[in-house]
C-alpha atoms as a PDB file:
ATOM      1  CA  MET A   1       0.007  -0.126  -0.099  1.00  0.00           C
ATOM      2  CA  PHE A   2       2.767   2.132   1.295  1.00  0.00           C
ATOM      3  CA  CYS A   3       5.588   3.280  -0.560  1.00  0.00           C
ATOM      4  CA  GLY A   4       7.171   2.637   3.024  1.00  0.00           C
ATOM      5  CA  LYS A   5      10.225   5.470   2.370  1.00  0.00           C
ATOM      6  CA  PRO A   6      10.557   8.556   5.349  1.00  0.00           C
ATOM      7  CA  ILE A   7       7.708  11.910   4.563  1.00  0.00           C
ATOM      8  CA  SER A   8       6.439  15.035   6.666  1.00  0.00           C
ATOM      9  CA  VAL A   9       4.341  14.994   9.686  1.00  0.00           C
ATOM     10  CA  GLN A  10       2.268  17.341   7.897  1.00  0.00           C
ATOM     11  CA  ALA A  11       1.709  15.462   4.223  1.00  0.00           C
ATOM     12  CA  ARG A  12      -1.459  14.413   3.009  1.00  0.00           C
ATOM     13  CA  GLN A  13      -0.149  12.818  -0.170  1.00  0.00           C
ATOM     14  CA  CYS A  14       3.664  10.806  -0.362  1.00  0.00           C
ATOM     15  CA  PRO A  15       5.435  12.385  -2.890  1.00  0.00           C
ATOM     16  CA  PHE A  16       7.557   9.205  -4.395  1.00  0.00           C
ATOM     17  CA  CYS A  17       3.982   6.960  -4.604  1.00  0.00           C
ATOM     18  CA  ARG A  18       1.713   9.356  -4.766  1.00  0.00           C
ATOM     19  CA  GLU A  19      -0.340   7.049  -2.400  1.00  0.00           C
ATOM     20  CA  ALA A  20      -2.943   9.776  -0.407  1.00  0.00           C
ATOM     21  CA  ILE A  21      -2.023   8.907   3.566  1.00  0.00           C
ATOM     22  CA  PRO A  22      -4.717   8.989   6.008  1.00  0.00           C
ATOM     23  CA  GLN A  23      -5.090  11.855   8.635  1.00  0.00           C
ATOM     24  CA  MET A  24      -5.415   9.917  11.781  1.00  0.00           C
ATOM     25  CA  ALA A  25      -6.355  11.618  15.175  1.00  0.00           C
ATOM     26  CA  THR A  26      -4.662  13.474  17.017  1.00  0.00           C
ATOM     27  CA  ILE A  27      -6.017  13.258  20.890  1.00  0.00           C
ATOM     28  CA  ARG A  28      -4.847  15.558  23.088  1.00  0.00           C
ATOM     29  CA  ARG A  29      -4.299  15.006  26.316  1.00  0.00           C
ATOM     30  CA  GLY A  30      -5.816  17.129  28.699  1.00  0.00           C
ATOM     31  CA  GLY A  31      -2.886  18.665  31.586  1.00  0.00           C
ATOM     32  CA  THR A  32      -4.538  18.226  35.059  1.00  0.00           C
ATOM     33  CA  ASP A  33      -6.806  20.258  35.745  1.00  0.00           C
ATOM     34  CA  GLY A  34      -5.933  19.641  39.786  1.00  0.00           C
ATOM     35  CA  ARG A  35      -9.277  17.397  41.136  1.00  0.00           C
ATOM     36  CA  ARG A  36      -7.144  14.337  41.556  1.00  0.00           C
ATOM     37  CA  GLU A  37      -4.115  16.243  43.413  1.00  0.00           C
ATOM     38  CA  MET A  38      -7.209  17.815  45.645  1.00  0.00           C
ATOM     39  CA  ARG A  39      -9.240  14.332  46.623  1.00  0.00           C
ATOM     40  CA  ARG A  40      -5.655  13.018  47.140  1.00  0.00           C
ATOM     41  CA  GLY A  41      -3.814  15.731  49.183  1.00  0.00           C
ATOM     42  CA  LEU A  42      -7.503  15.724  51.458  1.00  0.00           C
ATOM     43  CA  LEU A  43      -7.170  11.732  51.856  1.00  0.00           C
ATOM     44  CA  TYR A  44      -3.836  11.880  52.698  1.00  0.00           C
ATOM     45  CA  MET A  45      -5.301  14.994  55.769  1.00  0.00           C
ATOM     46  CA  LEU A  46      -7.931  12.497  56.831  1.00  0.00           C
ATOM     47  CA  LEU A  47      -6.074   8.852  57.233  1.00  0.00           C
ATOM     48  CA  ALA A  48      -3.148  10.924  59.005  1.00  0.00           C
ATOM     49  CA  GLY A  49      -6.029  12.408  61.215  1.00  0.00           C
ATOM     50  CA  VAL A  50      -7.609   8.738  61.776  1.00  0.00           C
ATOM     51  CA  ILE A  51      -3.802   8.037  62.566  1.00  0.00           C
ATOM     52  CA  TYR A  52      -2.903  10.640  65.131  1.00  0.00           C
ATOM     53  CA  TYR A  53      -6.666   9.667  66.245  1.00  0.00           C
ATOM     54  CA  PHE A  54      -6.463   5.937  66.861  1.00  0.00           C
ATOM     55  CA  GLY A  55      -2.606   6.332  67.537  1.00  0.00           C
ATOM     56  CA  GLY A  56      -2.410   8.616  70.055  1.00  0.00           C
ATOM     57  CA  GLY A  57      -4.760   7.204  72.072  1.00  0.00           C
ATOM     58  CA  TYR A  58      -7.281   9.496  71.958  1.00  0.00           C
ATOM     59  CA  SER A  59      -9.764   5.894  71.263  1.00  0.00           C
ATOM     60  CA  PRO A  60     -12.036   4.985  73.550  1.00  0.00           C
ATOM     61  CA  MET A  61     -11.291   1.609  71.438  1.00  0.00           C
ATOM     62  CA  THR A  62      -8.086  -0.079  72.329  1.00  0.00           C
ATOM     63  CA  VAL A  63      -5.988  -0.854  68.828  1.00  0.00           C
ATOM     64  CA  PRO A  64      -4.212  -4.256  69.045  1.00  0.00           C
ATOM     65  CA  VAL A  65      -0.863  -2.929  67.579  1.00  0.00           C
ATOM     66  CA  ASN A  66       1.551  -0.738  70.218  1.00  0.00           C
ATOM     67  CA  VAL A  67       1.870   1.954  68.597  1.00  0.00           C
ATOM     68  CA  SER A  68       5.750   4.082  68.871  1.00  0.00           C
ATOM     69  CA  SER A  69       5.037   7.335  70.007  1.00  0.00           C
ATOM     70  CA  ALA A  70       7.786   8.119  66.984  1.00  0.00           C
ATOM     71  CA  VAL A  71       4.794   7.383  64.230  1.00  0.00           C
ATOM     72  CA  THR A  72       2.879   9.212  66.516  1.00  0.00           C
ATOM     73  CA  THR A  73       5.680  12.624  66.565  1.00  0.00           C
ATOM     74  CA  TYR A  74       6.990  12.650  63.759  1.00  0.00           C
ATOM     75  CA  LEU A  75       5.382  10.771  61.125  1.00  0.00           C
ATOM     76  CA  VAL A  76       1.916  11.282  61.134  1.00  0.00           C
ATOM     77  CA  PRO A  77       1.854  15.403  61.046  1.00  0.00           C
ATOM     78  CA  LEU A  78       4.612  14.586  57.718  1.00  0.00           C
ATOM     79  CA  LEU A  79       1.317  12.604  56.305  1.00  0.00           C
ATOM     80  CA  PHE A  80      -0.511  15.796  57.212  1.00  0.00           C
ATOM     81  CA  LEU A  81       1.595  18.346  55.610  1.00  0.00           C
ATOM     82  CA  GLY A  82       2.523  16.289  52.953  1.00  0.00           C
ATOM     83  CA  GLY A  83      -1.125  15.756  51.590  1.00  0.00           C
ATOM     84  CA  LEU A  84      -2.294  19.826  53.078  1.00  0.00           C
ATOM     85  CA  GLY A  85       0.745  20.615  50.700  1.00  0.00           C
ATOM     86  CA  LEU A  86      -0.869  18.050  47.139  1.00  0.00           C
ATOM     87  CA  THR A  87      -4.718  19.666  48.189  1.00  0.00           C
ATOM     88  CA  LEU A  88      -3.209  23.264  47.582  1.00  0.00           C
ATOM     89  CA  TYR A  89      -1.087  21.632  44.805  1.00  0.00           C
ATOM     90  CA  GLY A  90      -4.512  20.521  43.474  1.00  0.00           C
ATOM     91  CA  ALA A  91      -5.661  23.846  43.875  1.00  0.00           C
ATOM     92  CA  TYR A  92      -2.988  25.807  42.427  1.00  0.00           C
ATOM     93  CA  PHE A  93      -3.471  23.912  39.040  1.00  0.00           C
ATOM     94  CA  ARG A  94      -7.889  23.917  39.771  1.00  0.00           C
ATOM     95  CA  ILE A  95      -7.650  28.069  39.789  1.00  0.00           C
ATOM     96  CA  ARG A  96      -5.085  27.863  36.740  1.00  0.00           C
ATOM     97  CA  SER A  97      -7.027  25.695  34.595  1.00  0.00           C
END
């Protein structure tokens, strides 16, 4: 069908064999509007709150696993701040688009 020689991308007809080149639909991949990042950030913040609530001993229920104080002191606030940052990042892209 085609001669196989390299041609321009914009060509509608092969200059060598004069075969018509079918036009391919170009799919424009839209950039992120920030919704997914905002949802993921809010989920991380909620997860940090749940871990802090149950791991810190504020819940009337007991946790079957002993949670280290390093988790509630350092890692949970880090998870919360990471979620907050991701939420703000998504909000920035949402406003920008």
